Amino acid sequence: MADASFYIISEEEAGRTVGQFLKNRLQFSAAHIRSLKFAPEGLTVNEERARTDRVLRAGDRLAVPAGDSAARPQRLLPYKGVPRALQVLYEDESLIVVNKPAGLAMHPAGGHTADTLANLLRSYFDSADPKARVHFAGRLDKDTSGVVLCAKTALAAEKLQKEKARGGFQKTYFALAAGSFRPGTAQRIDLPLRAAEDPDSGLIRMYADPFGKPALTYYTVRQVFPAYALLELRLDTGRMHQIRAHLAAAGHPLLGDPLYGEKAESGEGLISRCALHAAEICFLHPEDGRQITLSAPLPADMAALTKPVRPGADPFLR
């Protein structure tokens, strides 16, 4: 396709339809999505013409027509909301890496139109780098804090997605999980997951299911406390809510998690949000191939329930 943008579908994006990808990741309007069917070559997946209801798989190469002014995505609005400072961990001509605070949604959806991290980046770019665009190379839930990698160009985004599809990203998380743990224990959780509607809340959540998608989580117990522990986690797959669902299935829901933990067992009153933090990311720069490792310290609400710790550290265990 001569004039198009290309996207490599990651593990966490697999299972969505083409239409869902265009709406949720690229923020295309419904009118824009409808207009793509009239483009000469339309939408293609792996060089084959595709409908918007086609289900995507990890590693698929989606081509989206570009250049038609009548079919451009809806412009991302500048940030409007409670004033927030953007904590930049790294920035160059191709990338920006920020430390996302808890409570900030990643991109416009539902009731959030101009008060998300994407809008905050748009405001930042408007003053610092007007040509830059917002291409997230991963997602965090609204209540999850920590490191977020964003490409500024479509080419950098495509290269990062290819690396991610090959398993080239390494991410470290910290979580506060309810229950009793043995200090220093290392565990592997291998439970396939499937998405379904929660009958009580009506929200989409993940359930352990032998016929679901493969999901693999590793954790090490870093600090133990009377009713919970600080865990360091790494993932081999990137399913929606994977850490939350896996730990809940193992009998250790995250503190403050309203979807996967009962109030009595999830540390009600200790923390006002799901106690999960993306602490570190390691990846290869899409332009020069050098390895970049960036980290963000535990936020105040989680740090108040632990002793000081950093990614990869071997802290004193209680």
Protein backbone atom coordinates (compact mmCIF):
# COMPACT_ATOMS: atom_id res chain seq x y z
CA MET A 1 0.00 0.00 0.00
CA ALA A 2 1.73 3.14 -1.22
CA ASP A 3 0.37 5.68 1.25
CA ALA A 4 -0.44 4.01 4.55
CA SER A 5 0.47 3.67 8.20
CA PHE A 6 1.48 0.23 9.41
CA TYR A 7 0.91 -1.34 12.84
CA ILE A 8 2.19 -4.63 14.25
CA ILE A 9 -0.38 -6.15 16.60
CA SER A 10 0.98 -6.91 20.07
CA GLU A 11 -0.01 -9.74 22.43
CA GLU A 12 -2.17 -7.41 24.50
CA GLU A 13 -3.98 -6.15 21.38
CA ALA A 14 -4.65 -9.62 19.99
CA GLY A 15 -8.30 -10.62 20.13
CA ARG A 16 -9.62 -7.17 19.23
CA THR A 17 -11.29 -6.54 15.90
CA VAL A 18 -9.80 -4.17 13.34
CA GLY A 19 -12.57 -1.70 14.15
CA GLN A 20 -11.87 -1.85 17.90
CA PHE A 21 -8.17 -1.29 17.24
CA LEU A 22 -8.88 1.76 15.07
CA LYS A 23 -11.29 3.23 17.63
CA ASN A 24 -9.44 2.49 20.86
CA ARG A 25 -5.77 2.71 19.96
CA LEU A 26 -5.84 5.24 17.13
CA GLN A 27 -8.91 7.21 18.35
CA PHE A 28 -10.48 7.12 14.89
CA SER A 29 -14.03 8.44 14.77
CA ALA A 30 -16.87 6.22 13.56
CA ALA A 31 -17.15 8.35 10.42
CA HIS A 32 -13.44 7.95 9.71
CA ILE A 33 -13.63 4.18 10.11
CA ARG A 34 -16.60 4.00 7.75
CA SER A 35 -14.75 6.12 5.19
CA LEU A 36 -11.82 3.70 5.03
CA LYS A 37 -13.89 1.14 3.12
CA PHE A 38 -13.99 3.57 0.19
CA ALA A 39 -10.21 3.98 0.01
CA PRO A 40 -8.75 2.34 -3.14
CA GLU A 41 -6.93 -0.39 -1.21
CA GLY A 42 -8.94 -0.22 2.01
CA LEU A 43 -7.72 -1.82 5.21
CA THR A 44 -5.37 -4.78 4.89
CA VAL A 45 -4.06 -7.35 7.35
CA ASN A 46 -0.93 -9.19 6.24
CA GLU A 47 -1.37 -7.71 2.75
CA GLU A 48 -4.95 -9.05 2.43
CA ARG A 49 -8.06 -6.84 2.31
CA ALA A 50 -9.79 -6.95 5.70
CA ARG A 51 -13.17 -5.98 7.14
CA THR A 52 -13.46 -4.03 10.39
CA ASP A 53 -14.90 -7.09 12.16
CA ARG A 54 -11.79 -9.20 11.48
CA VAL A 55 -10.21 -10.44 14.71
CA LEU A 56 -6.53 -9.55 15.00
CA ARG A 57 -3.73 -11.89 16.14
CA ALA A 58 -0.37 -11.08 17.69
CA GLY A 59 2.14 -10.27 14.96
CA ASP A 60 -0.49 -9.29 12.37
CA ARG A 61 0.52 -6.33 10.17
CA LEU A 62 -2.34 -3.89 9.79
CA ALA A 63 -2.13 -1.28 7.02
CA VAL A 64 -4.33 1.81 7.34
CA PRO A 65 -4.74 4.20 4.38
CA ALA A 66 -3.29 7.65 5.01
CA GLY A 67 -3.13 10.96 3.23
CA ASP A 68 -6.84 11.45 2.47
CA SER A 69 -7.94 14.58 4.31
CA ALA A 70 -11.50 13.27 4.41
CA ALA A 71 -10.33 10.18 6.23
CA ARG A 72 -8.02 11.58 8.86
CA PRO A 73 -8.47 10.58 12.50
CA GLN A 74 -10.21 12.96 14.84
CA ARG A 75 -7.58 15.36 16.21
CA LEU A 76 -6.47 14.64 19.74
CA LEU A 77 -7.56 17.53 21.95
CA PRO A 78 -5.19 19.36 24.30
CA TYR A 79 -5.53 18.46 27.96
CA LYS A 80 -8.47 19.92 29.87
CA GLY A 81 -8.86 18.95 33.50
CA VAL A 82 -7.24 19.18 36.91
CA PRO A 83 -3.75 20.66 36.27
CA ARG A 84 -1.07 17.94 36.18
CA ALA A 85 2.67 18.07 35.69
CA LEU A 86 4.04 15.67 33.08
CA GLN A 87 6.94 13.73 34.62
CA VAL A 88 9.27 13.01 31.70
CA LEU A 89 11.80 10.20 32.28
CA TYR A 90 13.37 10.32 28.81
CA GLU A 91 12.82 12.17 25.54
CA ASP A 92 14.42 12.47 22.09
CA GLU A 93 13.20 13.10 18.54
CA SER A 94 11.52 9.69 18.29
CA LEU A 95 10.38 8.80 21.80
CA ILE A 96 9.10 10.10 25.08
CA VAL A 97 8.87 8.04 28.28
CA VAL A 98 6.79 9.35 31.19
CA ASN A 99 5.79 8.32 34.69
CA LYS A 100 1.99 8.07 34.66
CA PRO A 101 0.24 8.90 37.94
CA ALA A 102 -2.54 6.67 39.23
CA GLY A 103 -6.03 7.89 38.38
CA LEU A 104 -5.13 9.15 34.90
CA ALA A 105 -6.67 7.28 31.96
CA MET A 106 -4.37 6.52 29.02
CA HIS A 107 -6.50 7.71 26.10
CA PRO A 108 -9.94 9.20 25.38
CA ALA A 109 -12.80 6.73 25.80
CA GLY A 110 -16.19 6.72 27.45
CA GLY A 111 -16.54 9.80 29.63
CA HIS A 112 -12.93 10.87 29.12
CA THR A 113 -12.49 13.15 26.11
CA ALA A 114 -9.71 15.58 27.02
CA ASP A 115 -8.46 14.61 30.48
CA THR A 116 -6.19 11.64 29.68
CA LEU A 117 -2.46 11.03 29.38
CA ALA A 118 -2.79 11.23 25.58
CA ASN A 119 -4.32 14.71 25.91
CA LEU A 120 -1.63 15.73 28.38
CA LEU A 121 1.06 14.64 25.90
CA ARG A 122 -0.74 16.52 23.11
CA SER A 123 -0.59 19.72 25.16
CA TYR A 124 3.08 19.11 25.91
CA PHE A 125 3.88 18.47 22.24
CA ASP A 126 1.96 21.54 21.09
CA SER A 127 4.46 23.71 22.94
CA ALA A 128 7.62 21.57 22.77
CA ASP A 129 7.38 19.51 19.54
CA PRO A 130 4.28 20.31 17.42
CA LYS A 131 5.05 17.67 14.78
CA ALA A 132 5.07 14.86 17.33
CA ARG A 133 2.16 12.40 17.55
CA VAL A 134 0.99 10.15 20.37
CA HIS A 135 1.63 6.43 19.71
CA PHE A 136 1.61 4.46 22.96
CA ALA A 137 3.73 1.28 22.96
CA GLY A 138 1.66 -0.37 25.68
CA ARG A 139 -1.18 0.32 28.09
CA LEU A 140 -1.66 0.77 31.81
CA ASP A 141 -5.03 0.69 33.56
CA LYS A 142 -6.32 4.03 34.81
CA ASP A 143 -5.43 3.22 38.44
CA THR A 144 -2.01 1.74 37.62
CA SER A 145 0.94 4.10 37.95
CA GLY A 146 4.36 3.96 36.35
CA VAL A 147 6.47 3.93 33.19
CA VAL A 148 4.75 4.53 29.83
CA LEU A 149 6.62 4.49 26.50
CA CYS A 150 5.28 6.62 23.65
CA ALA A 151 6.55 6.96 20.08
CA LYS A 152 6.38 10.39 18.45
CA THR A 153 6.27 9.11 14.86
CA ALA A 154 4.43 6.35 13.01
CA LEU A 155 7.74 4.81 11.93
CA ALA A 156 9.09 4.63 15.48
CA ALA A 157 5.75 3.20 16.63
CA GLU A 158 5.88 0.47 13.98
CA LYS A 159 9.44 -0.52 14.95
CA LEU A 160 8.53 -0.63 18.65
CA GLN A 161 5.48 -2.78 17.95
CA LYS A 162 7.60 -5.23 15.95
CA GLU A 163 10.07 -5.45 18.82
CA LYS A 164 7.26 -5.94 21.29
CA ALA A 165 5.68 -8.68 19.17
CA ARG A 166 9.07 -10.46 19.22
CA GLY A 167 9.12 -10.25 23.02
CA GLY A 168 11.82 -7.59 23.02
CA PHE A 169 10.35 -5.49 25.82
CA GLN A 170 11.17 -6.27 29.45
CA LYS A 171 8.89 -4.70 32.04
CA THR A 172 9.02 -4.94 35.81
CA TYR A 173 6.04 -4.27 38.05
CA PHE A 174 5.60 -3.88 41.79
CA ALA A 175 2.34 -4.83 43.46
CA LEU A 176 0.94 -5.07 46.97
CA ALA A 177 -0.94 -8.35 47.23
CA ALA A 178 -3.17 -9.53 50.06
CA GLY A 179 -2.47 -12.64 52.10
CA SER A 180 0.40 -14.52 53.69
CA PHE A 181 3.68 -15.03 51.81
CA ARG A 182 7.09 -16.58 52.53
CA PRO A 183 9.93 -14.01 52.19
CA GLY A 184 12.01 -14.44 49.04
CA THR A 185 9.63 -16.95 47.44
CA ALA A 186 9.61 -17.00 43.63
CA GLN A 187 6.50 -18.28 41.87
CA ARG A 188 5.26 -18.89 38.32
CA ILE A 189 1.57 -18.54 37.47
CA ASP A 190 0.60 -20.26 34.22
CA LEU A 191 -3.16 -19.82 33.76
CA PRO A 192 -4.90 -19.15 30.44
CA LEU A 193 -7.27 -16.18 30.63
CA ARG A 194 -10.46 -15.20 28.85
CA ALA A 195 -12.44 -11.96 28.94
CA ALA A 196 -16.08 -11.89 29.99
CA GLU A 197 -18.55 -9.53 31.62
CA ASP A 198 -18.60 -9.50 35.40
CA PRO A 199 -22.21 -10.28 36.43
CA ASP A 200 -22.11 -7.93 39.43
CA SER A 201 -20.40 -4.83 38.02
CA GLY A 202 -21.13 -5.28 34.30
CA LEU A 203 -17.43 -4.55 33.63
CA ILE A 204 -15.21 -6.70 31.42
CA ARG A 205 -12.79 -8.78 33.46
CA MET A 206 -10.47 -11.73 32.93
CA TYR A 207 -11.23 -15.24 34.15
CA ALA A 208 -8.96 -18.27 34.42
CA ASP A 209 -10.09 -20.69 31.71
CA PRO A 210 -8.22 -23.71 30.26
CA PHE A 211 -9.57 -22.71 26.84
CA GLY A 212 -8.52 -19.05 27.21
CA LYS A 213 -5.42 -17.32 25.85
CA PRO A 214 -2.04 -18.38 27.30
CA ALA A 215 -0.84 -16.11 30.11
CA LEU A 216 2.35 -16.45 32.16
CA THR A 217 3.36 -14.35 35.18
CA TYR A 218 6.46 -14.58 37.39
CA TYR A 219 6.72 -12.97 40.80
CA THR A 220 9.20 -12.73 43.66
CA VAL A 221 8.25 -11.79 47.21
CA ARG A 222 10.35 -8.72 48.13
CA GLN A 223 8.87 -7.64 51.46
CA VAL A 224 6.31 -9.25 53.77
CA PHE A 225 3.89 -7.60 56.17
CA PRO A 226 1.15 -8.97 58.47
CA ALA A 227 -1.65 -8.92 55.88
CA TYR A 228 0.09 -8.40 52.53
CA ALA A 229 3.40 -8.46 50.65
CA LEU A 230 5.32 -6.41 48.12
CA LEU A 231 5.83 -8.44 44.96
CA GLU A 232 8.15 -7.85 42.01
CA LEU A 233 6.59 -9.19 38.81
CA ARG A 234 7.52 -9.88 35.19
CA LEU A 235 5.25 -11.07 32.40
CA ASP A 236 5.82 -13.40 29.46
CA THR A 237 2.50 -12.31 27.97
CA GLY A 238 0.57 -9.05 28.09
CA ARG A 239 -3.09 -9.91 28.62
CA MET A 240 -5.57 -7.35 29.87
CA HIS A 241 -5.54 -7.26 33.71
CA GLN A 242 -3.10 -10.20 33.68
CA ILE A 243 -1.38 -9.44 37.00
CA ARG A 244 -4.66 -8.64 38.73
CA ALA A 245 -6.42 -11.74 37.41
CA HIS A 246 -3.52 -14.13 38.04
CA LEU A 247 -2.91 -13.03 41.62
CA ALA A 248 -6.63 -13.09 42.42
CA ALA A 249 -6.86 -16.63 41.00
CA ALA A 250 -3.92 -17.58 43.24
CA GLY A 251 -5.80 -16.25 46.29
CA HIS A 252 -3.80 -13.01 46.56
CA PRO A 253 -5.81 -10.12 45.07
CA LEU A 254 -4.09 -6.75 44.88
CA LEU A 255 -4.79 -4.31 47.66
CA GLY A 256 -7.50 -1.85 46.67
CA ASP A 257 -8.67 -3.85 43.63
CA PRO A 258 -12.48 -3.48 43.47
CA LEU A 259 -12.92 -5.84 40.51
CA TYR A 260 -10.84 -8.88 41.50
CA GLY A 261 -10.77 -8.76 45.30
CA GLU A 262 -13.37 -8.97 48.03
CA LYS A 263 -13.32 -6.01 50.42
CA ALA A 264 -12.36 -8.19 53.37
CA GLU A 265 -9.36 -9.70 51.61
CA SER A 266 -8.06 -6.82 49.51
CA GLY A 267 -6.89 -4.46 52.23
CA GLU A 268 -9.86 -2.10 52.33
CA GLY A 269 -8.77 1.20 53.86
CA LEU A 270 -5.05 0.70 53.24
CA ILE A 271 -4.98 2.23 49.75
CA SER A 272 -7.63 3.93 47.62
CA ARG A 273 -6.70 2.32 44.28
CA CYS A 274 -5.41 -0.92 42.82
CA ALA A 275 -1.87 -1.25 44.21
CA LEU A 276 0.04 -1.84 40.98
CA HIS A 277 3.01 0.12 39.62
CA ALA A 278 4.95 -0.30 36.35
CA ALA A 279 8.42 0.22 37.82
CA GLU A 280 10.83 -0.36 34.95
CA ILE A 281 11.04 -0.84 31.19
CA CYS A 282 13.96 -2.07 29.08
CA PHE A 283 13.85 -1.86 25.28
CA LEU A 284 15.95 -1.25 22.19
CA HIS A 285 15.80 2.23 20.70
CA PRO A 286 13.93 2.02 17.35
CA GLU A 287 16.43 4.26 15.54
CA ASP A 288 19.90 3.24 16.72
CA GLY A 289 19.28 -0.07 18.50
CA ARG A 290 20.87 0.92 21.81
CA GLN A 291 19.40 -0.59 24.96
CA ILE A 292 17.48 1.82 27.16
CA THR A 293 16.41 1.04 30.72
CA LEU A 294 14.19 3.48 32.62
CA SER A 295 12.52 3.25 35.99
CA ALA A 296 10.04 5.13 38.16
CA PRO A 297 10.04 4.95 41.98
CA LEU A 298 7.08 3.66 43.94
CA PRO A 299 4.41 6.36 44.25
CA ALA A 300 3.69 7.80 47.69
CA ASP A 301 0.58 5.71 48.41
CA MET A 302 2.40 2.41 47.81
CA ALA A 303 5.68 3.57 49.35
CA ALA A 304 3.83 4.44 52.56
CA LEU A 305 2.97 0.74 52.92
CA THR A 306 6.51 -0.53 52.26
CA LYS A 307 10.16 0.18 52.91
CA PRO A 308 12.18 1.89 50.15
CA VAL A 309 12.79 -0.41 47.19
CA ARG A 310 13.96 -0.10 43.60
CA PRO A 311 13.62 -2.44 40.60
CA GLY A 312 16.05 -5.34 40.78
CA ALA A 313 17.06 -4.52 44.35
CA ASP A 314 17.42 -7.15 47.05
CA PRO A 315 15.88 -5.28 50.01
CA PHE A 316 15.95 -6.50 53.59
CA LEU A 317 13.00 -8.83 54.04
CA ARG A 318 10.86 -8.72 57.14
